Amino acid sequence: MDTKALYSLQYGVFMLGTKAGGKINACITNTCFQAANGPTRIAISVIKQNLTCQMIEESGAFALSVLDRSCSFETIKRFGYQSGRDADKFAGFEYETAQNGCPYISKEACAVIEAKVCNKLDLGTHMLFIAEVTEAKVLGNGEPLTYAYYQSNVKPKAGSAAGGTGAAGEQKPIKGWRCKICGYEFTGAELPADFECPICGHPAEDFEPFYE
């Protein structure tokens, strides 16, 4: 199967915020679509290992910020390249609170959609949430950010990875490569250029080396 055929599918880029147990958190996702009308329902797909996924399962609610083309890579990096288990992603970052108590951003976003989960489907690596829209509003007239535009114009181009150095300055060999999105580790000094993460599906350019 030529998985590159799947690259022709169109995706958006969204910040998915939720609140559970008095804590707020958010992650970046590229899968959301309207699934039904009357009532209006949307479907979102989230990596199961993400803290945000676990919190949505607990709270049953979320706010989806529809990012626009003004969104910076720093914002994507803050919410998509680190775990809420290790950092407070909203510390020092401007956000607003939706009616359902979940966080969203109004800058760098053109709309926000609030929803309550009514069903879910375990897809193996991801959880698909079907949710009823409880509120929605337009935040600006910016053009929605697509995944293709993000890859071409927002995300920095991959550079060559340099070897690590030890305490005495000696060069350390690469032991493997770690996915910056979900943490999956590939063992081996050479990561194939066409490698895709078996957990989250991100390409080789989203991996960083770790050393012996």
N, C-alpha and C. Protein backbone atom coordinates (compact mmCIF):
# COMPACT_ATOMS: atom_id res chain seq x y z
N MET A 1 0.84 -1.20 0.00
CA MET A 1 0.00 0.00 0.00
C MET A 1 0.88 1.25 0.00
N ASP A 2 0.56 2.20 -0.86
CA ASP A 2 1.29 3.46 -0.92
C ASP A 2 0.60 4.46 0.01
N THR A 3 1.15 4.61 1.22
CA THR A 3 0.52 5.50 2.21
C THR A 3 0.56 6.97 1.79
N LYS A 4 1.41 7.29 0.82
CA LYS A 4 1.47 8.68 0.36
C LYS A 4 0.16 9.11 -0.30
N ALA A 5 -0.64 8.14 -0.74
CA ALA A 5 -1.94 8.47 -1.31
C ALA A 5 -2.83 9.16 -0.28
N LEU A 6 -2.60 8.84 1.00
CA LEU A 6 -3.40 9.44 2.06
C LEU A 6 -3.06 10.91 2.28
N TYR A 7 -1.88 11.32 1.79
CA TYR A 7 -1.47 12.73 1.96
C TYR A 7 -2.38 13.67 1.18
N SER A 8 -3.12 13.13 0.19
CA SER A 8 -3.99 13.98 -0.61
C SER A 8 -5.28 14.35 0.12
N LEU A 9 -5.56 13.68 1.24
CA LEU A 9 -6.73 14.03 2.05
C LEU A 9 -6.50 15.38 2.70
N GLN A 10 -7.55 16.16 2.84
CA GLN A 10 -7.44 17.50 3.41
C GLN A 10 -7.75 17.49 4.91
N TYR A 11 -6.93 18.23 5.66
CA TYR A 11 -7.11 18.32 7.10
C TYR A 11 -6.99 19.77 7.55
N GLY A 12 -7.60 20.08 8.66
CA GLY A 12 -7.39 21.37 9.29
C GLY A 12 -6.38 21.21 10.42
N VAL A 13 -6.12 22.30 11.14
CA VAL A 13 -5.27 22.26 12.33
C VAL A 13 -6.04 22.95 13.45
N PHE A 14 -6.20 22.26 14.57
CA PHE A 14 -7.04 22.75 15.66
C PHE A 14 -6.33 22.63 17.00
N MET A 15 -6.70 23.51 17.92
CA MET A 15 -6.28 23.35 19.30
C MET A 15 -7.47 22.84 20.08
N LEU A 16 -7.29 21.69 20.72
CA LEU A 16 -8.37 21.01 21.44
C LEU A 16 -8.16 21.19 22.94
N GLY A 17 -9.03 21.98 23.57
CA GLY A 17 -8.90 22.28 25.00
C GLY A 17 -9.97 21.60 25.82
N THR A 18 -9.61 21.22 27.03
CA THR A 18 -10.58 20.58 27.92
C THR A 18 -10.22 20.89 29.37
N LYS A 19 -11.11 20.51 30.28
CA LYS A 19 -10.90 20.71 31.72
C LYS A 19 -11.43 19.51 32.47
N ALA A 20 -10.63 19.00 33.40
CA ALA A 20 -11.05 17.87 34.23
C ALA A 20 -10.29 17.92 35.54
N GLY A 21 -10.97 17.66 36.63
CA GLY A 21 -10.33 17.65 37.95
C GLY A 21 -9.68 18.97 38.32
N GLY A 22 -10.25 20.07 37.86
CA GLY A 22 -9.70 21.38 38.18
C GLY A 22 -8.50 21.78 37.35
N LYS A 23 -8.12 20.95 36.38
CA LYS A 23 -6.95 21.22 35.53
C LYS A 23 -7.39 21.45 34.10
N ILE A 24 -6.75 22.40 33.43
CA ILE A 24 -7.00 22.62 32.01
C ILE A 24 -5.80 22.12 31.20
N ASN A 25 -6.07 21.71 29.99
CA ASN A 25 -5.00 21.24 29.11
C ASN A 25 -5.50 21.33 27.68
N ALA A 26 -4.57 21.23 26.74
CA ALA A 26 -4.93 21.28 25.33
C ALA A 26 -3.87 20.58 24.51
N CYS A 27 -4.25 20.14 23.33
CA CYS A 27 -3.31 19.55 22.39
C CYS A 27 -3.68 19.99 20.99
N ILE A 28 -2.83 19.70 20.04
CA ILE A 28 -3.10 20.01 18.64
C ILE A 28 -3.61 18.74 17.95
N THR A 29 -4.65 18.89 17.16
CA THR A 29 -5.15 17.77 16.37
C THR A 29 -5.45 18.25 14.96
N ASN A 30 -5.42 17.35 14.01
CA ASN A 30 -5.71 17.74 12.63
C ASN A 30 -6.93 17.01 12.07
N THR A 31 -7.71 16.39 12.97
CA THR A 31 -8.86 15.64 12.49
C THR A 31 -10.14 16.07 13.20
N CYS A 32 -10.97 16.81 12.51
CA CYS A 32 -12.29 17.20 13.00
C CYS A 32 -13.19 17.42 11.79
N PHE A 33 -14.41 16.92 11.87
CA PHE A 33 -15.37 17.15 10.79
C PHE A 33 -16.79 17.12 11.33
N GLN A 34 -17.67 17.83 10.64
CA GLN A 34 -19.08 17.79 11.02
C GLN A 34 -19.67 16.47 10.57
N ALA A 35 -20.33 15.77 11.49
CA ALA A 35 -20.83 14.44 11.19
C ALA A 35 -22.34 14.38 11.02
N ALA A 36 -23.07 15.36 11.58
CA ALA A 36 -24.53 15.30 11.50
C ALA A 36 -25.14 16.66 11.83
N ASN A 37 -26.42 16.81 11.45
CA ASN A 37 -27.22 17.97 11.81
C ASN A 37 -28.42 17.51 12.63
N GLY A 38 -28.95 18.43 13.42
CA GLY A 38 -30.21 18.20 14.14
C GLY A 38 -30.22 17.04 15.10
N PRO A 39 -29.44 17.01 16.17
CA PRO A 39 -28.53 18.07 16.59
C PRO A 39 -27.21 18.05 15.80
N THR A 40 -26.54 19.19 15.80
CA THR A 40 -25.26 19.29 15.11
C THR A 40 -24.20 18.52 15.88
N ARG A 41 -23.53 17.63 15.21
CA ARG A 41 -22.50 16.82 15.85
C ARG A 41 -21.22 16.85 15.02
N ILE A 42 -20.10 16.85 15.74
CA ILE A 42 -18.79 16.79 15.09
C ILE A 42 -18.05 15.57 15.60
N ALA A 43 -17.03 15.18 14.87
CA ALA A 43 -16.18 14.06 15.29
C ALA A 43 -14.74 14.55 15.33
N ILE A 44 -14.03 14.21 16.39
CA ILE A 44 -12.62 14.55 16.52
C ILE A 44 -11.84 13.28 16.84
N SER A 45 -10.61 13.23 16.36
CA SER A 45 -9.74 12.08 16.63
C SER A 45 -8.53 12.56 17.41
N VAL A 46 -8.21 11.87 18.51
CA VAL A 46 -7.14 12.28 19.40
C VAL A 46 -6.26 11.07 19.74
N ILE A 47 -4.95 11.28 19.77
CA ILE A 47 -4.03 10.21 20.17
C ILE A 47 -4.36 9.77 21.59
N LYS A 48 -4.54 8.48 21.79
CA LYS A 48 -4.97 7.97 23.09
C LYS A 48 -3.97 8.23 24.20
N GLN A 49 -2.68 8.31 23.85
CA GLN A 49 -1.66 8.55 24.86
C GLN A 49 -1.68 9.99 25.37
N ASN A 50 -2.32 10.89 24.65
CA ASN A 50 -2.36 12.29 25.06
C ASN A 50 -3.15 12.47 26.34
N LEU A 51 -2.64 13.33 27.21
CA LEU A 51 -3.36 13.66 28.44
C LEU A 51 -4.71 14.28 28.10
N THR A 52 -4.77 15.07 27.05
CA THR A 52 -6.03 15.70 26.66
C THR A 52 -7.10 14.66 26.37
N CYS A 53 -6.72 13.58 25.73
CA CYS A 53 -7.67 12.50 25.44
C CYS A 53 -8.24 11.92 26.72
N GLN A 54 -7.37 11.65 27.67
CA GLN A 54 -7.82 11.09 28.95
C GLN A 54 -8.73 12.06 29.69
N MET A 55 -8.41 13.35 29.60
CA MET A 55 -9.22 14.35 30.30
C MET A 55 -10.58 14.52 29.64
N ILE A 56 -10.66 14.40 28.32
CA ILE A 56 -11.95 14.48 27.65
C ILE A 56 -12.81 13.28 28.02
N GLU A 57 -12.18 12.11 28.13
CA GLU A 57 -12.93 10.93 28.56
C GLU A 57 -13.51 11.14 29.95
N GLU A 58 -12.78 11.86 30.81
CA GLU A 58 -13.24 12.12 32.18
C GLU A 58 -14.31 13.19 32.22
N SER A 59 -14.11 14.28 31.48
CA SER A 59 -15.01 15.43 31.57
C SER A 59 -16.19 15.37 30.60
N GLY A 60 -15.96 14.76 29.44
CA GLY A 60 -17.01 14.69 28.44
C GLY A 60 -17.27 15.99 27.72
N ALA A 61 -16.30 16.93 27.79
CA ALA A 61 -16.50 18.23 27.17
C ALA A 61 -15.19 18.77 26.62
N PHE A 62 -15.30 19.62 25.59
CA PHE A 62 -14.09 20.26 25.05
C PHE A 62 -14.47 21.53 24.31
N ALA A 63 -13.44 22.34 24.04
CA ALA A 63 -13.59 23.52 23.19
C ALA A 63 -12.54 23.41 22.09
N LEU A 64 -12.97 23.56 20.86
CA LEU A 64 -12.09 23.40 19.71
C LEU A 64 -11.81 24.77 19.09
N SER A 65 -10.56 25.21 19.18
CA SER A 65 -10.14 26.45 18.53
C SER A 65 -9.74 26.13 17.10
N VAL A 66 -10.42 26.73 16.13
CA VAL A 66 -10.09 26.53 14.73
C VAL A 66 -8.98 27.52 14.38
N LEU A 67 -7.75 27.04 14.27
CA LEU A 67 -6.61 27.92 14.07
C LEU A 67 -6.64 28.53 12.66
N ASP A 68 -6.11 29.76 12.56
CA ASP A 68 -6.05 30.39 11.24
C ASP A 68 -4.59 30.53 10.80
N ARG A 69 -4.38 31.10 9.63
CA ARG A 69 -3.04 31.16 9.05
C ARG A 69 -2.09 32.09 9.79
N SER A 70 -2.60 32.88 10.73
CA SER A 70 -1.72 33.73 11.53
C SER A 70 -1.06 32.95 12.66
N CYS A 71 -1.49 31.71 12.87
CA CYS A 71 -0.96 30.91 13.97
C CYS A 71 0.54 30.65 13.78
N SER A 72 1.30 30.90 14.83
CA SER A 72 2.75 30.73 14.76
C SER A 72 3.16 29.30 15.10
N PHE A 73 4.36 28.95 14.69
CA PHE A 73 4.87 27.63 15.04
C PHE A 73 5.08 27.52 16.55
N GLU A 74 5.39 28.64 17.21
CA GLU A 74 5.57 28.62 18.66
C GLU A 74 4.30 28.16 19.36
N THR A 75 3.13 28.59 18.85
CA THR A 75 1.87 28.15 19.44
C THR A 75 1.65 26.67 19.19
N ILE A 76 1.92 26.22 17.96
CA ILE A 76 1.81 24.79 17.64
C ILE A 76 2.75 23.99 18.52
N LYS A 77 3.96 24.47 18.69
CA LYS A 77 4.96 23.77 19.49
C LYS A 77 4.54 23.68 20.94
N ARG A 78 4.00 24.78 21.49
CA ARG A 78 3.59 24.82 22.89
C ARG A 78 2.53 23.76 23.19
N PHE A 79 1.54 23.67 22.30
CA PHE A 79 0.42 22.77 22.58
C PHE A 79 0.53 21.40 21.90
N GLY A 80 1.45 21.27 20.94
CA GLY A 80 1.54 20.01 20.23
C GLY A 80 2.82 19.22 20.42
N TYR A 81 3.88 19.89 20.95
CA TYR A 81 5.18 19.23 21.04
C TYR A 81 5.64 19.00 22.47
N GLN A 82 4.74 19.12 23.42
CA GLN A 82 5.07 18.79 24.80
C GLN A 82 3.83 18.22 25.47
N SER A 83 4.03 17.51 26.56
CA SER A 83 2.92 16.87 27.25
C SER A 83 2.46 17.69 28.44
N GLY A 84 1.15 17.73 28.63
CA GLY A 84 0.58 18.40 29.80
C GLY A 84 0.93 17.70 31.09
N ARG A 85 1.48 16.49 30.99
CA ARG A 85 1.92 15.80 32.21
C ARG A 85 3.22 16.41 32.73
N ASP A 86 3.96 17.06 31.83
CA ASP A 86 5.26 17.61 32.19
C ASP A 86 5.27 19.12 32.30
N ALA A 87 4.28 19.78 31.71
CA ALA A 87 4.30 21.24 31.69
C ALA A 87 2.88 21.79 31.71
N ASP A 88 2.75 23.01 32.27
CA ASP A 88 1.49 23.74 32.22
C ASP A 88 1.50 24.52 30.91
N LYS A 89 0.83 24.02 29.91
CA LYS A 89 0.89 24.61 28.58
C LYS A 89 0.33 26.03 28.53
N PHE A 90 -0.58 26.35 29.45
CA PHE A 90 -1.21 27.67 29.43
C PHE A 90 -0.50 28.69 30.31
N ALA A 91 0.56 28.28 31.00
CA ALA A 91 1.29 29.21 31.87
C ALA A 91 1.85 30.37 31.05
N GLY A 92 1.45 31.59 31.38
CA GLY A 92 1.94 32.76 30.68
C GLY A 92 1.39 32.93 29.28
N PHE A 93 0.36 32.16 28.93
CA PHE A 93 -0.21 32.23 27.58
C PHE A 93 -1.65 32.73 27.67
N GLU A 94 -2.00 33.67 26.80
CA GLU A 94 -3.33 34.26 26.82
C GLU A 94 -4.38 33.30 26.27
N TYR A 95 -5.43 33.07 27.06
CA TYR A 95 -6.51 32.20 26.62
C TYR A 95 -7.83 32.68 27.21
N GLU A 96 -8.92 32.13 26.75
CA GLU A 96 -10.24 32.45 27.27
C GLU A 96 -10.93 31.15 27.69
N THR A 97 -12.00 31.31 28.45
CA THR A 97 -12.72 30.14 28.96
C THR A 97 -14.10 30.07 28.33
N ALA A 98 -14.41 28.94 27.73
CA ALA A 98 -15.71 28.75 27.09
C ALA A 98 -16.79 28.55 28.16
N GLN A 99 -18.04 28.56 27.74
CA GLN A 99 -19.16 28.39 28.67
C GLN A 99 -19.10 27.04 29.38
N ASN A 100 -18.52 26.05 28.74
CA ASN A 100 -18.42 24.73 29.37
C ASN A 100 -17.17 24.58 30.24
N GLY A 101 -16.44 25.70 30.45
CA GLY A 101 -15.28 25.69 31.33
C GLY A 101 -13.97 25.30 30.68
N CYS A 102 -14.01 24.99 29.38
CA CYS A 102 -12.80 24.55 28.67
C CYS A 102 -12.06 25.75 28.05
N PRO A 103 -10.75 25.66 27.97
CA PRO A 103 -9.97 26.78 27.43
C PRO A 103 -9.95 26.81 25.91
N TYR A 104 -9.86 28.03 25.36
CA TYR A 104 -9.67 28.20 23.93
C TYR A 104 -8.88 29.48 23.70
N ILE A 105 -8.40 29.70 22.49
CA ILE A 105 -7.67 30.92 22.19
C ILE A 105 -8.44 31.70 21.13
N SER A 106 -8.45 33.01 21.28
CA SER A 106 -9.15 33.86 20.31
C SER A 106 -8.17 34.48 19.32
N LYS A 107 -6.93 34.70 19.75
CA LYS A 107 -5.90 35.13 18.82
C LYS A 107 -5.38 33.91 18.08
N GLU A 108 -5.05 34.08 16.82
CA GLU A 108 -4.54 32.99 15.97
C GLU A 108 -5.61 31.94 15.67
N ALA A 109 -6.88 32.29 15.92
CA ALA A 109 -7.98 31.37 15.65
C ALA A 109 -9.13 32.14 15.00
N CYS A 110 -9.87 31.48 14.11
CA CYS A 110 -10.97 32.14 13.42
C CYS A 110 -12.33 31.72 13.95
N ALA A 111 -12.38 30.67 14.78
CA ALA A 111 -13.66 30.22 15.35
C ALA A 111 -13.39 29.32 16.55
N VAL A 112 -14.41 29.19 17.39
CA VAL A 112 -14.34 28.24 18.51
C VAL A 112 -15.65 27.45 18.54
N ILE A 113 -15.55 26.17 18.81
CA ILE A 113 -16.71 25.28 18.87
C ILE A 113 -16.69 24.56 20.21
N GLU A 114 -17.77 24.69 20.98
CA GLU A 114 -17.89 23.98 22.24
C GLU A 114 -18.75 22.73 22.02
N ALA A 115 -18.42 21.65 22.71
CA ALA A 115 -19.17 20.42 22.48
C ALA A 115 -19.14 19.51 23.70
N LYS A 116 -20.14 18.65 23.77
CA LYS A 116 -20.19 17.62 24.82
C LYS A 116 -20.20 16.25 24.15
N VAL A 117 -19.40 15.35 24.67
CA VAL A 117 -19.24 14.03 24.07
C VAL A 117 -20.50 13.19 24.28
N CYS A 118 -20.94 12.54 23.20
CA CYS A 118 -22.10 11.66 23.31
C CYS A 118 -21.75 10.21 22.94
N ASN A 119 -20.58 10.02 22.35
CA ASN A 119 -20.15 8.66 22.01
C ASN A 119 -18.66 8.68 21.71
N LYS A 120 -18.04 7.51 21.77
CA LYS A 120 -16.62 7.41 21.44
C LYS A 120 -16.34 6.05 20.83
N LEU A 121 -15.27 6.00 20.04
CA LEU A 121 -14.89 4.75 19.38
C LEU A 121 -13.38 4.59 19.46
N ASP A 122 -12.94 3.48 20.03
CA ASP A 122 -11.51 3.19 20.17
C ASP A 122 -10.97 2.73 18.82
N LEU A 123 -10.03 3.49 18.26
CA LEU A 123 -9.46 3.18 16.95
C LEU A 123 -8.07 2.56 17.04
N GLY A 124 -7.67 2.16 18.23
CA GLY A 124 -6.34 1.58 18.40
C GLY A 124 -5.37 2.63 18.91
N THR A 125 -4.75 3.38 18.01
CA THR A 125 -3.81 4.43 18.42
C THR A 125 -4.55 5.72 18.82
N HIS A 126 -5.77 5.90 18.28
CA HIS A 126 -6.53 7.12 18.50
C HIS A 126 -7.92 6.80 19.09
N MET A 127 -8.51 7.83 19.70
CA MET A 127 -9.89 7.73 20.16
C MET A 127 -10.71 8.71 19.33
N LEU A 128 -11.80 8.23 18.77
CA LEU A 128 -12.71 9.08 18.01
C LEU A 128 -13.86 9.47 18.92
N PHE A 129 -14.02 10.78 19.15
CA PHE A 129 -15.11 11.29 19.97
C PHE A 129 -16.19 11.88 19.06
N ILE A 130 -17.43 11.45 19.25
CA ILE A 130 -18.58 12.06 18.59
C ILE A 130 -19.21 12.99 19.63
N ALA A 131 -19.38 14.25 19.27
CA ALA A 131 -19.83 15.22 20.26
C ALA A 131 -20.89 16.15 19.68
N GLU A 132 -21.85 16.53 20.54
CA GLU A 132 -22.89 17.47 20.15
C GLU A 132 -22.39 18.89 20.39
N VAL A 133 -22.54 19.74 19.38
CA VAL A 133 -22.11 21.13 19.50
C VAL A 133 -23.11 21.88 20.38
N THR A 134 -22.60 22.52 21.44
CA THR A 134 -23.45 23.27 22.36
C THR A 134 -23.35 24.78 22.16
N GLU A 135 -22.25 25.22 21.55
CA GLU A 135 -22.06 26.64 21.26
C GLU A 135 -20.98 26.77 20.20
N ALA A 136 -21.05 27.82 19.42
CA ALA A 136 -20.04 28.07 18.39
C ALA A 136 -20.07 29.55 18.05
N LYS A 137 -18.89 30.11 17.79
CA LYS A 137 -18.86 31.51 17.38
C LYS A 137 -17.63 31.79 16.51
N VAL A 138 -17.80 32.75 15.64
CA VAL A 138 -16.72 33.20 14.77
C VAL A 138 -15.87 34.19 15.54
N LEU A 139 -14.55 34.03 15.48
CA LEU A 139 -13.63 34.89 16.22
C LEU A 139 -12.94 35.91 15.32
N GLY A 140 -12.87 35.62 14.04
CA GLY A 140 -12.19 36.52 13.12
C GLY A 140 -12.41 36.07 11.69
N ASN A 141 -11.88 36.85 10.76
CA ASN A 141 -12.08 36.53 9.34
C ASN A 141 -10.84 35.94 8.69
N GLY A 142 -9.90 35.48 9.51
CA GLY A 142 -8.71 34.83 8.97
C GLY A 142 -9.04 33.51 8.30
N GLU A 143 -8.23 33.13 7.32
CA GLU A 143 -8.44 31.87 6.62
C GLU A 143 -8.02 30.71 7.49
N PRO A 144 -8.84 29.68 7.62
CA PRO A 144 -8.49 28.53 8.46
C PRO A 144 -7.16 27.91 8.04
N LEU A 145 -6.39 27.49 9.02
CA LEU A 145 -5.10 26.86 8.77
C LEU A 145 -5.32 25.40 8.39
N THR A 146 -4.82 25.01 7.22
CA THR A 146 -4.89 23.61 6.82
C THR A 146 -3.57 22.92 7.17
N TYR A 147 -3.63 21.61 7.23
CA TYR A 147 -2.42 20.86 7.55
C TYR A 147 -1.38 21.02 6.45
N ALA A 148 -1.84 21.10 5.20
CA ALA A 148 -0.91 21.27 4.08
C ALA A 148 -0.21 22.63 4.17
N TYR A 149 -0.96 23.68 4.51
CA TYR A 149 -0.37 25.02 4.63
C TYR A 149 0.61 25.06 5.80
N TYR A 150 0.24 24.38 6.89
CA TYR A 150 1.14 24.31 8.05
C TYR A 150 2.46 23.66 7.67
N GLN A 151 2.40 22.55 6.95
CA GLN A 151 3.61 21.85 6.56
C GLN A 151 4.48 22.69 5.62
N SER A 152 3.86 23.45 4.74
CA SER A 152 4.60 24.20 3.74
C SER A 152 5.07 25.57 4.20
N ASN A 153 4.30 26.22 5.08
CA ASN A 153 4.57 27.63 5.39
C ASN A 153 4.79 27.96 6.86
N VAL A 154 4.40 27.09 7.77
CA VAL A 154 4.50 27.39 9.20
C VAL A 154 5.59 26.56 9.88
N LYS A 155 5.59 25.28 9.61
CA LYS A 155 6.54 24.39 10.26
C LYS A 155 7.95 24.59 9.71
N PRO A 156 8.95 24.76 10.59
CA PRO A 156 10.34 24.90 10.13
C PRO A 156 10.77 23.67 9.35
N LYS A 157 11.61 23.88 8.35
CA LYS A 157 12.11 22.76 7.56
C LYS A 157 13.07 21.93 8.38
N ALA A 158 13.00 20.63 8.19
CA ALA A 158 13.87 19.73 8.94
C ALA A 158 15.33 19.96 8.55
N GLY A 159 16.20 19.99 9.59
CA GLY A 159 17.63 20.13 9.35
C GLY A 159 18.34 18.86 9.74
N SER A 160 19.59 18.81 9.47
CA SER A 160 20.34 17.61 9.83
C SER A 160 20.58 17.60 11.32
N ALA A 161 20.47 16.43 11.93
CA ALA A 161 20.66 16.29 13.37
C ALA A 161 22.13 16.10 13.68
N ALA A 162 22.63 16.89 14.60
CA ALA A 162 24.03 16.75 15.00
C ALA A 162 24.15 15.77 16.15
N GLY A 163 25.29 15.16 16.27
CA GLY A 163 25.50 14.23 17.35
C GLY A 163 25.59 14.93 18.68
N GLY A 164 25.28 14.20 19.76
CA GLY A 164 25.36 14.77 21.09
C GLY A 164 26.78 14.74 21.61
N THR A 165 27.02 15.49 22.66
CA THR A 165 28.35 15.51 23.26
C THR A 165 28.27 15.15 24.73
N GLY A 166 29.30 14.50 25.21
CA GLY A 166 29.38 14.11 26.61
C GLY A 166 30.00 15.21 27.45
N ALA A 167 30.24 14.90 28.74
CA ALA A 167 30.77 15.88 29.68
C ALA A 167 32.14 16.39 29.25
N ALA A 168 32.93 15.54 28.63
CA ALA A 168 34.28 15.94 28.22
C ALA A 168 34.31 16.47 26.78
N GLY A 169 33.13 16.63 26.19
CA GLY A 169 33.04 17.16 24.83
C GLY A 169 33.17 16.11 23.75
N GLU A 170 33.23 14.83 24.14
CA GLU A 170 33.35 13.79 23.13
C GLU A 170 32.01 13.58 22.42
N GLN A 171 32.09 13.19 21.16
CA GLN A 171 30.88 12.95 20.38
C GLN A 171 30.22 11.68 20.85
N LYS A 172 28.90 11.73 21.07
CA LYS A 172 28.16 10.56 21.53
C LYS A 172 27.35 9.99 20.36
N PRO A 173 27.36 8.68 20.19
CA PRO A 173 26.62 8.07 19.09
C PRO A 173 25.11 8.11 19.33
N ILE A 174 24.38 8.19 18.24
CA ILE A 174 22.92 8.18 18.33
C ILE A 174 22.45 6.77 18.67
N LYS A 175 21.60 6.67 19.69
CA LYS A 175 21.06 5.38 20.11
C LYS A 175 19.73 5.11 19.40
N GLY A 176 18.99 6.15 19.14
CA GLY A 176 17.68 5.99 18.50
C GLY A 176 17.03 7.33 18.24
N TRP A 177 15.77 7.27 17.84
CA TRP A 177 15.02 8.48 17.48
C TRP A 177 13.68 8.48 18.19
N ARG A 178 13.30 9.63 18.73
CA ARG A 178 12.07 9.75 19.52
C ARG A 178 11.08 10.70 18.81
N CYS A 179 9.85 10.26 18.66
CA CYS A 179 8.81 11.09 18.07
C CYS A 179 8.49 12.26 19.00
N LYS A 180 8.57 13.46 18.48
CA LYS A 180 8.30 14.65 19.28
C LYS A 180 6.81 14.86 19.54
N ILE A 181 5.99 14.10 18.84
CA ILE A 181 4.54 14.25 19.00
C ILE A 181 4.00 13.34 20.10
N CYS A 182 4.35 12.05 20.04
CA CYS A 182 3.76 11.10 21.00
C CYS A 182 4.79 10.38 21.87
N GLY A 183 6.09 10.54 21.58
CA GLY A 183 7.11 9.93 22.41
C GLY A 183 7.56 8.54 21.99
N TYR A 184 7.02 8.00 20.91
CA TYR A 184 7.45 6.68 20.43
C TYR A 184 8.94 6.70 20.12
N GLU A 185 9.64 5.61 20.48
CA GLU A 185 11.08 5.54 20.26
C GLU A 185 11.44 4.47 19.23
N PHE A 186 12.24 4.89 18.25
CA PHE A 186 12.78 3.99 17.23
C PHE A 186 14.23 3.72 17.61
N THR A 187 14.62 2.47 17.74
CA THR A 187 15.98 2.12 18.12
C THR A 187 16.83 1.92 16.87
N GLY A 188 17.96 2.63 16.83
CA GLY A 188 18.85 2.54 15.68
C GLY A 188 19.39 3.90 15.31
N ALA A 189 20.63 3.95 14.83
CA ALA A 189 21.27 5.22 14.51
C ALA A 189 20.70 5.88 13.26
N GLU A 190 20.17 5.07 12.34
CA GLU A 190 19.65 5.60 11.08
C GLU A 190 18.13 5.48 11.05
N LEU A 191 17.46 6.60 10.89
CA LEU A 191 16.01 6.60 10.76
C LEU A 191 15.67 6.73 9.28
N PRO A 192 14.96 5.77 8.69
CA PRO A 192 14.62 5.85 7.27
C PRO A 192 13.88 7.16 6.94
N ALA A 193 14.21 7.75 5.81
CA ALA A 193 13.63 9.04 5.43
C ALA A 193 12.11 8.96 5.27
N ASP A 194 11.60 7.78 4.90
CA ASP A 194 10.16 7.63 4.69
C ASP A 194 9.45 7.00 5.89
N PHE A 195 10.16 6.98 7.04
CA PHE A 195 9.58 6.35 8.24
C PHE A 195 8.39 7.16 8.74
N GLU A 196 7.36 6.46 9.22
CA GLU A 196 6.21 7.10 9.83
C GLU A 196 5.99 6.48 11.20
N CYS A 197 5.67 7.32 12.17
CA CYS A 197 5.45 6.84 13.54
C CYS A 197 4.27 5.86 13.56
N PRO A 198 4.45 4.66 14.11
CA PRO A 198 3.35 3.69 14.14
C PRO A 198 2.25 4.06 15.14
N ILE A 199 2.53 5.03 16.02
CA ILE A 199 1.54 5.45 17.00
C ILE A 199 0.69 6.61 16.49
N CYS A 200 1.37 7.70 16.06
CA CYS A 200 0.62 8.89 15.68
C CYS A 200 0.66 9.20 14.18
N GLY A 201 1.49 8.44 13.42
CA GLY A 201 1.52 8.61 11.98
C GLY A 201 2.34 9.77 11.47
N HIS A 202 3.08 10.47 12.35
CA HIS A 202 3.88 11.61 11.90
C HIS A 202 5.15 11.13 11.21
N PRO A 203 5.65 11.95 10.27
CA PRO A 203 6.80 11.54 9.45
C PRO A 203 8.13 11.66 10.19
N ALA A 204 9.20 11.22 9.51
CA ALA A 204 10.54 11.19 10.10
C ALA A 204 11.01 12.56 10.57
N GLU A 205 10.58 13.62 9.92
CA GLU A 205 11.04 14.97 10.30
C GLU A 205 10.53 15.38 11.67
N ASP A 206 9.56 14.65 12.22
CA ASP A 206 9.05 14.95 13.57
C ASP A 206 9.74 14.10 14.63
N PHE A 207 10.86 13.46 14.27
CA PHE A 207 11.64 12.67 15.23
C PHE A 207 12.92 13.43 15.57
N GLU A 208 13.39 13.25 16.81
CA GLU A 208 14.65 13.83 17.23
C GLU A 208 15.53 12.73 17.80
N PRO A 209 16.85 12.82 17.66
CA PRO A 209 17.73 11.75 18.13
C PRO A 209 17.88 11.75 19.65
N PHE A 210 18.11 10.58 20.22
CA PHE A 210 18.58 10.48 21.61
C PHE A 210 19.84 9.65 21.59
N TYR A 211 20.69 9.86 22.59
CA TYR A 211 22.06 9.37 22.52
C TYR A 211 22.39 8.35 23.60
N GLU A 212 23.46 7.59 23.35
CA GLU A 212 23.92 6.59 24.30
C GLU A 212 24.56 7.27 25.51
